[in-house]
Amino acid sequence: MERLDPSISKEYLPLILYLEDLSNIVQVLGDAGKSPKISTTEYSFESVAELQKQYGSGDLTALRIESNSPHLSIEMTCMAARLYVGSSQPEAAGLMWKINAILLRCRRRGSWLYSLPGSVGVGALLGSSIPILFLWDALAGLTAVLVWGFWMAWSFRITRRRYCLIILRPRSEVAGFVRRNKDQLVLAIIATVLGAILGVIGTLLTSRIGK
């Protein structure tokens, strides 16, 4: 009888990685004596510096980092993010734990809203409120339609086009408050609108019950 050595994997909600996050991942592998390979859909690189030299300060939506002994891979695409380690031995589990900690820090703000239940739930709540708001006020109904359309387009853009965003600049060099906090601002607007919609629906229900 032989004891099997199972692999370990984890999938992530949408991520935003900056230059220092990539460097930290590569350093974790380097400190463990690994020689990580970084690759895009077009090229492979031996270091983060080579990657940055090729793509400058641009943004990427697909990147793969891998090493051997044990096999480890971080697969980031425009539609998914996954960490895989081909062993559950202490060394492999340690690498998994350290890299997982980095990736968890890179999750988008409110990333759970981009999961299937979150995205569909917000869309359904906004969509179901539209006929009720139109009965109350045409402008409120139209506003709900616009917000619903914006949310569906925004969530589709994140989950199908920019699930993983790799910014080849340090966080401190990303220009503009809006660029750095875009996710937070969008979610704050959606939360405010949802709160207002629930308030209106509550008012309508209260007025009907009171009659």
Foldseek 3Di string as FASTA:
>chain_A
DDDDFAKDKDWDFFFEAEQVLQVQLCVLQVVLVWQKWKDFPPDIDRDLVVVCVVVPQDKDQWMKIWTPPPTWIWTGHQAITMTITRGDPPVRVVSVVSNVVSRVVGADVVRVCLPPCNLVVLLVLLVVLLVVVCVVPVVLSVVSVVLSVVSVVVSCCCNRGRSYMYGHHDLVPPDDPCVSCVRVVNVVVSVVSSVVSVVVVVVVVVVVVVD
